[in-house]
Amino acid sequence: MKHPILYAFKMICMIFCVAMVAACAAVTLVWLTGKLRQPKQLATVYFDTFALFVLISTATIIIRIALHSRGYSRVYSKSIKEGYTDKFFAYFERRAKRSFTKNKKNAATMALASCYAEAGRYADAVDTLHKIDFFSLDEKARAEYFNTALYTEIISGNTAEAEKIYAAGKGLLERYGGGSSGAEIDRTLAALSFARGDMYDAEAKLLELCEHALPDHVASACGIYLTMIYLNTDRLEKAKLAAEMTIPNISSYRDKQIMLRLMKCIENAYGAKCETACEA
């Protein structure tokens, strides 16, 4: 995921470059037609055209971002209710196919792999990742690649393969983890500790991560892992509180189903506790 400040800076630079090219083209065209020759007149044409294209380009980008965000939110909102339908995968497959630049295509392909993993289609997730030319990625994209591959193996239950991926990508994962920008990586490293059975380390990592503002899907995963840790360590009150705080952040059908099972486990645990107390 791109840092929002860097993304905004890139968009501003692109808008100004397009406007400058358009303004230069307009001045050249006017000068060649012979209608205007005075420097002041040509300067007026230049700055008017520049301003016009800045406004047009800005409006176009804002509309595209709004439509993209709306489409993304709509697809995920429907998936929470309906599950992982063909339309869900078709949306992300289209995004991967329609990406024009290599960087965007790689990012969209990784997003598609994450969707497959989320839906339990782990073989499809791995196959999708293999379509990416790893050696063409920059350092940060490689860290994201390792993160996607590692989390896929963790949630599939293949801890042995997860350890191999972690060993290969440890340096990059640790370099790009930390803070709100590395939230997904930190979530994955906490999940790895949980998969290893190291509840103390997993809990410490998750609580540290929760100190930052998190995207809903990361906050949801953190809450689910904390709930499971508290259940496994017989801290029912904390498990119940963690579950209640996580429910508003649920952003995927998978997390919804897991949370329903965890709530049932908490209910059963409270029931067993009450029965024990009555027998005593």
C-alpha atoms as a PDB file:
ATOM      1  CA  MET A   1       0.000   0.000   0.000  1.00  0.00           C
ATOM      2  CA  LYS A   2       1.386   3.440  -0.969  1.00  0.00           C
ATOM      3  CA  HIS A   3       2.007   6.015   1.723  1.00  0.00           C
ATOM      4  CA  PRO A   4      -0.761   8.657   1.339  1.00  0.00           C
ATOM      5  CA  ILE A   5       1.661  11.632   1.437  1.00  0.00           C
ATOM      6  CA  LEU A   6       3.897  10.154  -1.267  1.00  0.00           C
ATOM      7  CA  TYR A   7       0.856   9.242  -3.360  1.00  0.00           C
ATOM      8  CA  ALA A   8      -0.527  12.796  -3.059  1.00  0.00           C
ATOM      9  CA  PHE A   9       2.852  14.280  -3.989  1.00  0.00           C
ATOM     10  CA  LYS A  10       3.051  12.021  -7.048  1.00  0.00           C
ATOM     11  CA  MET A  11      -0.451  13.063  -8.143  1.00  0.00           C
ATOM     12  CA  ILE A  12       0.362  16.770  -7.731  1.00  0.00           C
ATOM     13  CA  CYS A  13       3.538  16.402  -9.804  1.00  0.00           C
ATOM     14  CA  MET A  14       1.621  14.539 -12.502  1.00  0.00           C
ATOM     15  CA  ILE A  15      -1.119  17.214 -12.618  1.00  0.00           C
ATOM     16  CA  PHE A  16       1.415  20.028 -12.981  1.00  0.00           C
ATOM     17  CA  CYS A  17       3.360  18.152 -15.675  1.00  0.00           C
ATOM     18  CA  VAL A  18       0.196  17.541 -17.721  1.00  0.00           C
ATOM     19  CA  ALA A  19      -0.851  21.180 -17.315  1.00  0.00           C
ATOM     20  CA  MET A  20       2.575  22.467 -18.373  1.00  0.00           C
ATOM     21  CA  VAL A  21       2.632  20.275 -21.486  1.00  0.00           C
ATOM     22  CA  ALA A  22      -0.908  21.359 -22.412  1.00  0.00           C
ATOM     23  CA  ALA A  23      -0.055  25.038 -21.848  1.00  0.00           C
ATOM     24  CA  CYS A  24       3.094  24.812 -23.983  1.00  0.00           C
ATOM     25  CA  ALA A  25       1.137  23.054 -26.722  1.00  0.00           C
ATOM     26  CA  ALA A  26      -1.566  25.752 -26.626  1.00  0.00           C
ATOM     27  CA  VAL A  27       0.985  28.579 -26.864  1.00  0.00           C
ATOM     28  CA  THR A  28       2.814  26.854 -29.740  1.00  0.00           C
ATOM     29  CA  LEU A  29      -0.438  26.294 -31.633  1.00  0.00           C
ATOM     30  CA  VAL A  30      -1.559  29.924 -31.164  1.00  0.00           C
ATOM     31  CA  TRP A  31       1.846  31.241 -32.222  1.00  0.00           C
ATOM     32  CA  LEU A  32       1.952  29.038 -35.343  1.00  0.00           C
ATOM     33  CA  THR A  33      -1.505  30.212 -36.449  1.00  0.00           C
ATOM     34  CA  GLY A  34      -0.264  33.794 -36.249  1.00  0.00           C
ATOM     35  CA  LYS A  35      -3.273  35.009 -34.283  1.00  0.00           C
ATOM     36  CA  LEU A  36      -1.188  36.144 -31.313  1.00  0.00           C
ATOM     37  CA  ARG A  37       2.463  37.186 -31.359  1.00  0.00           C
ATOM     38  CA  GLN A  38       2.906  39.510 -28.379  1.00  0.00           C
ATOM     39  CA  PRO A  39       4.720  37.952 -25.353  1.00  0.00           C
ATOM     40  CA  LYS A  40       2.068  39.242 -22.944  1.00  0.00           C
ATOM     41  CA  GLN A  41      -0.707  37.680 -25.016  1.00  0.00           C
ATOM     42  CA  LEU A  42       1.150  34.370 -25.262  1.00  0.00           C
ATOM     43  CA  ALA A  43       1.810  34.450 -21.503  1.00  0.00           C
ATOM     44  CA  THR A  44      -1.913  34.951 -20.890  1.00  0.00           C
ATOM     45  CA  VAL A  45      -2.713  31.944 -23.096  1.00  0.00           C
ATOM     46  CA  TYR A  46      -0.084  29.889 -21.267  1.00  0.00           C
ATOM     47  CA  PHE A  47      -1.310  30.632 -17.743  1.00  0.00           C
ATOM     48  CA  ASP A  48      -5.009  30.362 -18.665  1.00  0.00           C
ATOM     49  CA  THR A  49      -4.424  26.966 -20.280  1.00  0.00           C
ATOM     50  CA  PHE A  50      -2.228  25.857 -17.372  1.00  0.00           C
ATOM     51  CA  ALA A  51      -4.918  26.782 -14.808  1.00  0.00           C
ATOM     52  CA  LEU A  52      -7.649  25.126 -16.858  1.00  0.00           C
ATOM     53  CA  PHE A  53      -5.781  21.849 -17.139  1.00  0.00           C
ATOM     54  CA  VAL A  54      -4.879  21.870 -13.436  1.00  0.00           C
ATOM     55  CA  LEU A  55      -8.594  22.138 -12.625  1.00  0.00           C
ATOM     56  CA  ILE A  56      -9.601  19.481 -15.190  1.00  0.00           C
ATOM     57  CA  SER A  57      -6.864  17.034 -14.121  1.00  0.00           C
ATOM     58  CA  THR A  58      -7.617  17.508 -10.414  1.00  0.00           C
ATOM     59  CA  ALA A  59     -11.346  16.980 -10.947  1.00  0.00           C
ATOM     60  CA  THR A  60     -10.686  13.863 -13.053  1.00  0.00           C
ATOM     61  CA  ILE A  61      -8.401  12.302 -10.431  1.00  0.00           C
ATOM     62  CA  ILE A  62     -10.829  13.079  -7.594  1.00  0.00           C
ATOM     63  CA  ILE A  63     -13.708  11.493  -9.531  1.00  0.00           C
ATOM     64  CA  ARG A  64     -11.628   8.401 -10.364  1.00  0.00           C
ATOM     65  CA  ILE A  65     -10.526   7.957  -6.741  1.00  0.00           C
ATOM     66  CA  ALA A  66     -14.116   8.401  -5.523  1.00  0.00           C
ATOM     67  CA  LEU A  67     -15.453   5.841  -8.007  1.00  0.00           C
ATOM     68  CA  HIS A  68     -12.647   3.411  -7.183  1.00  0.00           C
ATOM     69  CA  SER A  69     -13.222   3.730  -3.423  1.00  0.00           C
ATOM     70  CA  ARG A  70     -16.965   3.384  -3.851  1.00  0.00           C
ATOM     71  CA  GLY A  71     -16.571   0.260  -5.989  1.00  0.00           C
ATOM     72  CA  TYR A  72     -14.088  -1.280  -3.556  1.00  0.00           C
ATOM     73  CA  SER A  73     -16.299  -0.559  -0.534  1.00  0.00           C
ATOM     74  CA  ARG A  74     -19.399  -1.876  -2.299  1.00  0.00           C
ATOM     75  CA  VAL A  75     -17.710  -5.144  -3.267  1.00  0.00           C
ATOM     76  CA  TYR A  76     -16.407  -5.753   0.253  1.00  0.00           C
ATOM     77  CA  SER A  77     -19.686  -4.737   1.903  1.00  0.00           C
ATOM     78  CA  LYS A  78     -21.595  -7.224  -0.238  1.00  0.00           C
ATOM     79  CA  SER A  79     -19.028  -9.959   0.413  1.00  0.00           C
ATOM     80  CA  ILE A  80     -19.523  -9.672   4.192  1.00  0.00           C
ATOM     81  CA  LYS A  81     -23.206 -10.523   3.701  1.00  0.00           C
ATOM     82  CA  GLU A  82     -23.065 -12.862   0.704  1.00  0.00           C
ATOM     83  CA  GLY A  83     -19.664 -14.498   1.109  1.00  0.00           C
ATOM     84  CA  TYR A  84     -17.077 -14.902  -1.620  1.00  0.00           C
ATOM     85  CA  THR A  85     -19.104 -14.915  -4.811  1.00  0.00           C
ATOM     86  CA  ASP A  86     -17.865 -15.037  -8.415  1.00  0.00           C
ATOM     87  CA  LYS A  87     -18.502 -11.278  -8.636  1.00  0.00           C
ATOM     88  CA  PHE A  88     -16.148 -10.697  -5.712  1.00  0.00           C
ATOM     89  CA  PHE A  89     -13.237 -12.422  -7.441  1.00  0.00           C
ATOM     90  CA  ALA A  90     -14.168 -10.999 -10.856  1.00  0.00           C
ATOM     91  CA  TYR A  91     -13.775  -7.466  -9.483  1.00  0.00           C
ATOM     92  CA  PHE A  92     -10.217  -8.052  -8.251  1.00  0.00           C
ATOM     93  CA  GLU A  93      -9.281 -10.071 -11.328  1.00  0.00           C
ATOM     94  CA  ARG A  94     -10.371  -7.132 -13.509  1.00  0.00           C
ATOM     95  CA  ARG A  95      -8.286  -4.757 -11.421  1.00  0.00           C
ATOM     96  CA  ALA A  96      -5.215  -6.929 -11.983  1.00  0.00           C
ATOM     97  CA  LYS A  97      -5.818  -7.231 -15.742  1.00  0.00           C
ATOM     98  CA  ARG A  98      -6.615  -3.554 -16.333  1.00  0.00           C
ATOM     99  CA  SER A  99      -3.591  -2.149 -14.516  1.00  0.00           C
ATOM    100  CA  PHE A 100      -1.374  -0.453 -17.100  1.00  0.00           C
ATOM    101  CA  THR A 101       1.854   0.106 -15.192  1.00  0.00           C
ATOM    102  CA  LYS A 102       3.941  -2.764 -13.852  1.00  0.00           C
ATOM    103  CA  ASN A 103       3.829  -1.452 -10.281  1.00  0.00           C
ATOM    104  CA  LYS A 104       0.041  -1.152 -10.278  1.00  0.00           C
ATOM    105  CA  LYS A 105      -0.338  -4.563 -11.878  1.00  0.00           C
ATOM    106  CA  ASN A 106       1.898  -6.165  -9.237  1.00  0.00           C
ATOM    107  CA  ALA A 107      -0.017  -4.426  -6.427  1.00  0.00           C
ATOM    108  CA  ALA A 108      -3.367  -5.528  -7.882  1.00  0.00           C
ATOM    109  CA  THR A 109      -2.088  -9.092  -8.309  1.00  0.00           C
ATOM    110  CA  MET A 110      -0.987  -9.194  -4.661  1.00  0.00           C
ATOM    111  CA  ALA A 111      -4.424  -7.896  -3.652  1.00  0.00           C
ATOM    112  CA  LEU A 112      -6.023 -10.691  -5.695  1.00  0.00           C
ATOM    113  CA  ALA A 113      -3.793 -13.270  -3.982  1.00  0.00           C
ATOM    114  CA  SER A 114      -4.868 -11.889  -0.592  1.00  0.00           C
ATOM    115  CA  CYS A 115      -8.520 -12.264  -1.607  1.00  0.00           C
ATOM    116  CA  TYR A 116      -7.976 -15.892  -2.593  1.00  0.00           C
ATOM    117  CA  ALA A 117      -6.271 -16.565   0.737  1.00  0.00           C
ATOM    118  CA  GLU A 118      -9.057 -14.790   2.617  1.00  0.00           C
ATOM    119  CA  ALA A 119     -11.590 -17.075   0.921  1.00  0.00           C
ATOM    120  CA  GLY A 120      -9.627 -20.220   1.758  1.00  0.00           C
ATOM    121  CA  ARG A 121      -8.418 -20.728  -1.820  1.00  0.00           C
ATOM    122  CA  TYR A 122      -4.809 -21.039  -0.733  1.00  0.00           C
ATOM    123  CA  ALA A 123      -3.522 -22.854  -3.830  1.00  0.00           C
ATOM    124  CA  ASP A 124      -4.986 -20.083  -6.027  1.00  0.00           C
ATOM    125  CA  ALA A 125      -3.357 -17.471  -3.797  1.00  0.00           C
ATOM    126  CA  VAL A 126       0.074 -19.088  -4.151  1.00  0.00           C
ATOM    127  CA  ASP A 127      -0.345 -19.533  -7.922  1.00  0.00           C
ATOM    128  CA  THR A 128      -1.335 -15.871  -8.249  1.00  0.00           C
ATOM    129  CA  LEU A 129       1.756 -14.725  -6.346  1.00  0.00           C
ATOM    130  CA  HIS A 130       3.941 -16.857  -8.601  1.00  0.00           C
ATOM    131  CA  LYS A 131       2.741 -14.781 -11.577  1.00  0.00           C
ATOM    132  CA  ILE A 132       4.645 -11.803 -10.184  1.00  0.00           C
ATOM    133  CA  ASP A 133       8.266 -11.350 -11.254  1.00  0.00           C
ATOM    134  CA  PHE A 134       9.765 -11.062  -7.779  1.00  0.00           C
ATOM    135  CA  PHE A 135      13.117  -9.742  -9.019  1.00  0.00           C
ATOM    136  CA  SER A 136      11.439  -6.847 -10.846  1.00  0.00           C
ATOM    137  CA  LEU A 137       9.982  -5.521  -7.571  1.00  0.00           C
ATOM    138  CA  ASP A 138      11.546  -2.720  -5.571  1.00  0.00           C
ATOM    139  CA  GLU A 139      12.542  -3.354  -1.970  1.00  0.00           C
ATOM    140  CA  LYS A 140       9.265  -2.231  -0.385  1.00  0.00           C
ATOM    141  CA  ALA A 141       7.183  -4.242  -2.879  1.00  0.00           C
ATOM    142  CA  ARG A 142       9.296  -7.310  -2.054  1.00  0.00           C
ATOM    143  CA  ALA A 143       8.462  -6.830   1.620  1.00  0.00           C
ATOM    144  CA  GLU A 144       4.754  -6.674   0.685  1.00  0.00           C
ATOM    145  CA  TYR A 145       5.186  -9.827  -1.413  1.00  0.00           C
ATOM    146  CA  PHE A 146       6.766 -11.703   1.510  1.00  0.00           C
ATOM    147  CA  ASN A 147       4.027 -10.408   3.807  1.00  0.00           C
ATOM    148  CA  THR A 148       1.243 -11.658   1.505  1.00  0.00           C
ATOM    149  CA  ALA A 149       2.921 -15.050   1.005  1.00  0.00           C
ATOM    150  CA  LEU A 150       3.647 -15.454   4.725  1.00  0.00           C
ATOM    151  CA  TYR A 151       0.133 -14.558   5.871  1.00  0.00           C
ATOM    152  CA  THR A 152      -1.346 -16.933   3.289  1.00  0.00           C
ATOM    153  CA  GLU A 153       0.653 -19.850   4.691  1.00  0.00           C
ATOM    154  CA  ILE A 154      -0.149 -18.885   8.295  1.00  0.00           C
ATOM    155  CA  ILE A 155      -3.914 -18.788   7.851  1.00  0.00           C
ATOM    156  CA  SER A 156      -3.792 -21.968   5.758  1.00  0.00           C
ATOM    157  CA  GLY A 157      -2.180 -23.720   8.727  1.00  0.00           C
ATOM    158  CA  ASN A 158       1.035 -24.517   6.857  1.00  0.00           C
ATOM    159  CA  THR A 159       3.430 -23.361   9.584  1.00  0.00           C
ATOM    160  CA  ALA A 160       6.432 -25.180   8.105  1.00  0.00           C
ATOM    161  CA  GLU A 161       6.149 -23.291   4.811  1.00  0.00           C
ATOM    162  CA  ALA A 162       5.463 -20.073   6.715  1.00  0.00           C
ATOM    163  CA  GLU A 163       8.765 -20.495   8.570  1.00  0.00           C
ATOM    164  CA  LYS A 164      10.631 -20.906   5.265  1.00  0.00           C
ATOM    165  CA  ILE A 165       9.082 -17.726   3.868  1.00  0.00           C
ATOM    166  CA  TYR A 166       9.837 -15.842   7.069  1.00  0.00           C
ATOM    167  CA  ALA A 167      13.470 -16.985   6.994  1.00  0.00           C
ATOM    168  CA  ALA A 168      13.784 -15.748   3.400  1.00  0.00           C
ATOM    169  CA  GLY A 169      12.102 -12.393   3.979  1.00  0.00           C
ATOM    170  CA  LYS A 170      12.941 -11.676   7.618  1.00  0.00           C
ATOM    171  CA  GLY A 171      15.203  -8.709   6.896  1.00  0.00           C
ATOM    172  CA  LEU A 172      12.721  -6.945   4.635  1.00  0.00           C
ATOM    173  CA  LEU A 173       9.735  -7.681   6.872  1.00  0.00           C
ATOM    174  CA  GLU A 174      11.458  -6.259   9.938  1.00  0.00           C
ATOM    175  CA  ARG A 175      12.724  -3.238   7.989  1.00  0.00           C
ATOM    176  CA  TYR A 176       9.291  -2.255   6.683  1.00  0.00           C
ATOM    177  CA  GLY A 177       7.261  -3.226   9.740  1.00  0.00           C
ATOM    178  CA  GLY A 178       6.524  -0.828  12.569  1.00  0.00           C
ATOM    179  CA  GLY A 179       4.117   2.066  13.002  1.00  0.00           C
ATOM    180  CA  SER A 180       0.899   2.588  11.078  1.00  0.00           C
ATOM    181  CA  SER A 181       2.597   2.251   7.652  1.00  0.00           C
ATOM    182  CA  GLY A 182       3.848  -1.247   8.487  1.00  0.00           C
ATOM    183  CA  ALA A 183       0.634  -2.390  10.185  1.00  0.00           C
ATOM    184  CA  GLU A 184      -0.053  -5.322   7.837  1.00  0.00           C
ATOM    185  CA  ILE A 185       3.462  -6.689   8.320  1.00  0.00           C
ATOM    186  CA  ASP A 186       3.227  -6.331  12.107  1.00  0.00           C
ATOM    187  CA  ARG A 187      -0.121  -8.152  12.054  1.00  0.00           C
ATOM    188  CA  THR A 188       1.472 -10.996  10.095  1.00  0.00           C
ATOM    189  CA  LEU A 189       4.457 -11.281  12.453  1.00  0.00           C
ATOM    190  CA  ALA A 190       2.062 -11.407  15.425  1.00  0.00           C
ATOM    191  CA  ALA A 191       0.060 -14.106  13.622  1.00  0.00           C
ATOM    192  CA  LEU A 192       3.292 -16.072  13.101  1.00  0.00           C
ATOM    193  CA  SER A 193       4.027 -15.942  16.829  1.00  0.00           C
ATOM    194  CA  PHE A 194       0.488 -17.205  17.479  1.00  0.00           C
ATOM    195  CA  ALA A 195       0.972 -20.047  14.974  1.00  0.00           C
ATOM    196  CA  ARG A 196       4.179 -21.011  16.779  1.00  0.00           C
ATOM    197  CA  GLY A 197       2.225 -21.191  20.049  1.00  0.00           C
ATOM    198  CA  ASP A 198       4.041 -18.221  21.581  1.00  0.00           C
ATOM    199  CA  MET A 199       0.985 -16.501  23.038  1.00  0.00           C
ATOM    200  CA  TYR A 200       2.991 -14.034  25.127  1.00  0.00           C
ATOM    201  CA  ASP A 201       4.959 -12.696  22.164  1.00  0.00           C
ATOM    202  CA  ALA A 202       1.864 -12.587  19.939  1.00  0.00           C
ATOM    203  CA  GLU A 203      -0.101 -10.666  22.570  1.00  0.00           C
ATOM    204  CA  ALA A 204       2.717  -8.166  23.121  1.00  0.00           C
ATOM    205  CA  LYS A 205       3.016  -7.499  19.374  1.00  0.00           C
ATOM    206  CA  LEU A 206      -0.729  -7.107  18.931  1.00  0.00           C
ATOM    207  CA  LEU A 207      -1.146  -4.731  21.866  1.00  0.00           C
ATOM    208  CA  GLU A 208       1.720  -2.596  20.577  1.00  0.00           C
ATOM    209  CA  LEU A 209       0.153  -2.572  17.118  1.00  0.00           C
ATOM    210  CA  CYS A 210      -3.232  -1.533  18.533  1.00  0.00           C
ATOM    211  CA  GLU A 211      -1.667   1.692  19.825  1.00  0.00           C
ATOM    212  CA  HIS A 212      -1.695   2.995  16.236  1.00  0.00           C
ATOM    213  CA  ALA A 213      -4.566   4.003  13.982  1.00  0.00           C
ATOM    214  CA  LEU A 214      -5.232   0.898  11.892  1.00  0.00           C
ATOM    215  CA  PRO A 215      -7.182   0.069   8.727  1.00  0.00           C
ATOM    216  CA  ASP A 216     -10.348  -1.914   9.494  1.00  0.00           C
ATOM    217  CA  HIS A 217      -9.012  -5.200   8.080  1.00  0.00           C
ATOM    218  CA  VAL A 218      -5.869  -5.000  10.253  1.00  0.00           C
ATOM    219  CA  ALA A 219      -7.837  -3.934  13.349  1.00  0.00           C
ATOM    220  CA  SER A 220     -10.223  -6.830  12.713  1.00  0.00           C
ATOM    221  CA  ALA A 221      -7.402  -9.378  12.490  1.00  0.00           C
ATOM    222  CA  CYS A 222      -5.733  -7.995  15.623  1.00  0.00           C
ATOM    223  CA  GLY A 223      -8.973  -8.225  17.586  1.00  0.00           C
ATOM    224  CA  ILE A 224      -9.588 -11.784  16.448  1.00  0.00           C
ATOM    225  CA  TYR A 225      -6.082 -12.931  17.414  1.00  0.00           C
ATOM    226  CA  LEU A 226      -6.331 -11.206  20.802  1.00  0.00           C
ATOM    227  CA  THR A 227      -9.693 -12.882  21.409  1.00  0.00           C
ATOM    228  CA  MET A 228      -8.181 -16.294  20.582  1.00  0.00           C
ATOM    229  CA  ILE A 229      -5.168 -15.613  22.821  1.00  0.00           C
ATOM    230  CA  TYR A 230      -7.371 -14.655  25.762  1.00  0.00           C
ATOM    231  CA  LEU A 231      -9.535 -17.737  25.243  1.00  0.00           C
ATOM    232  CA  ASN A 232      -6.486 -19.998  25.072  1.00  0.00           C
ATOM    233  CA  THR A 233      -5.121 -18.499  28.287  1.00  0.00           C
ATOM    234  CA  ASP A 234      -8.451 -18.664  30.170  1.00  0.00           C
ATOM    235  CA  ARG A 235      -9.022 -14.903  30.395  1.00  0.00           C
ATOM    236  CA  LEU A 236     -12.702 -14.883  29.545  1.00  0.00           C
ATOM    237  CA  GLU A 237     -13.459 -11.290  30.519  1.00  0.00           C
ATOM    238  CA  LYS A 238     -10.691 -10.004  28.263  1.00  0.00           C
ATOM    239  CA  ALA A 239     -11.771 -12.356  25.463  1.00  0.00           C
ATOM    240  CA  LYS A 240     -15.328 -11.041  25.674  1.00  0.00           C
ATOM    241  CA  LEU A 241     -14.160  -7.407  25.699  1.00  0.00           C
ATOM    242  CA  ALA A 242     -11.778  -7.965  22.768  1.00  0.00           C
ATOM    243  CA  ALA A 243     -14.565  -9.599  20.748  1.00  0.00           C
ATOM    244  CA  GLU A 244     -17.003  -6.765  21.465  1.00  0.00           C
ATOM    245  CA  MET A 245     -14.417  -4.161  20.420  1.00  0.00           C
ATOM    246  CA  THR A 246     -13.574  -6.078  17.236  1.00  0.00           C
ATOM    247  CA  ILE A 247     -17.105  -6.556  15.892  1.00  0.00           C
ATOM    248  CA  PRO A 248     -17.447  -2.944  14.572  1.00  0.00           C
ATOM    249  CA  ASN A 249     -14.193  -3.395  12.605  1.00  0.00           C
ATOM    250  CA  ILE A 250     -15.155  -6.652  10.880  1.00  0.00           C
ATOM    251  CA  SER A 251     -14.433  -6.074   7.198  1.00  0.00           C
ATOM    252  CA  SER A 252     -14.467  -9.511   5.594  1.00  0.00           C
ATOM    253  CA  TYR A 253     -16.683 -12.580   5.435  1.00  0.00           C
ATOM    254  CA  ARG A 254     -13.845 -14.748   6.778  1.00  0.00           C
ATOM    255  CA  ASP A 255     -13.412 -12.559   9.864  1.00  0.00           C
ATOM    256  CA  LYS A 256     -17.160 -12.504  10.387  1.00  0.00           C
ATOM    257  CA  GLN A 257     -17.348 -16.311  10.420  1.00  0.00           C
ATOM    258  CA  ILE A 258     -14.350 -16.605  12.741  1.00  0.00           C
ATOM    259  CA  MET A 259     -15.835 -14.065  15.136  1.00  0.00           C
ATOM    260  CA  LEU A 260     -19.160 -15.903  15.220  1.00  0.00           C
ATOM    261  CA  ARG A 261     -17.302 -19.091  16.210  1.00  0.00           C
ATOM    262  CA  LEU A 262     -15.286 -17.236  18.843  1.00  0.00           C
ATOM    263  CA  MET A 263     -18.418 -15.682  20.343  1.00  0.00           C
ATOM    264  CA  LYS A 264     -19.897 -19.173  20.576  1.00  0.00           C
ATOM    265  CA  CYS A 265     -16.722 -20.393  22.301  1.00  0.00           C
ATOM    266  CA  ILE A 266     -16.911 -17.535  24.802  1.00  0.00           C
ATOM    267  CA  GLU A 267     -20.571 -18.292  25.453  1.00  0.00           C
ATOM    268  CA  ASN A 268     -19.801 -21.975  26.006  1.00  0.00           C
ATOM    269  CA  ALA A 269     -16.867 -21.137  28.273  1.00  0.00           C
ATOM    270  CA  TYR A 270     -19.063 -18.898  30.428  1.00  0.00           C
ATOM    271  CA  GLY A 271     -21.686 -21.641  30.527  1.00  0.00           C
ATOM    272  CA  ALA A 272     -19.148 -24.221  31.671  1.00  0.00           C
ATOM    273  CA  LYS A 273     -17.865 -21.799  34.298  1.00  0.00           C
ATOM    274  CA  CYS A 274     -21.370 -21.237  35.635  1.00  0.00           C
ATOM    275  CA  GLU A 275     -22.045 -24.995  35.785  1.00  0.00           C
ATOM    276  CA  THR A 276     -18.823 -25.530  37.725  1.00  0.00           C
ATOM    277  CA  ALA A 277     -19.747 -22.777  40.148  1.00  0.00           C
ATOM    278  CA  CYS A 278     -23.237 -24.269  40.683  1.00  0.00           C
ATOM    279  CA  GLU A 279     -21.801 -27.749  41.303  1.00  0.00           C
ATOM    280  CA  ALA A 280     -19.407 -26.305  43.870  1.00  0.00           C
END
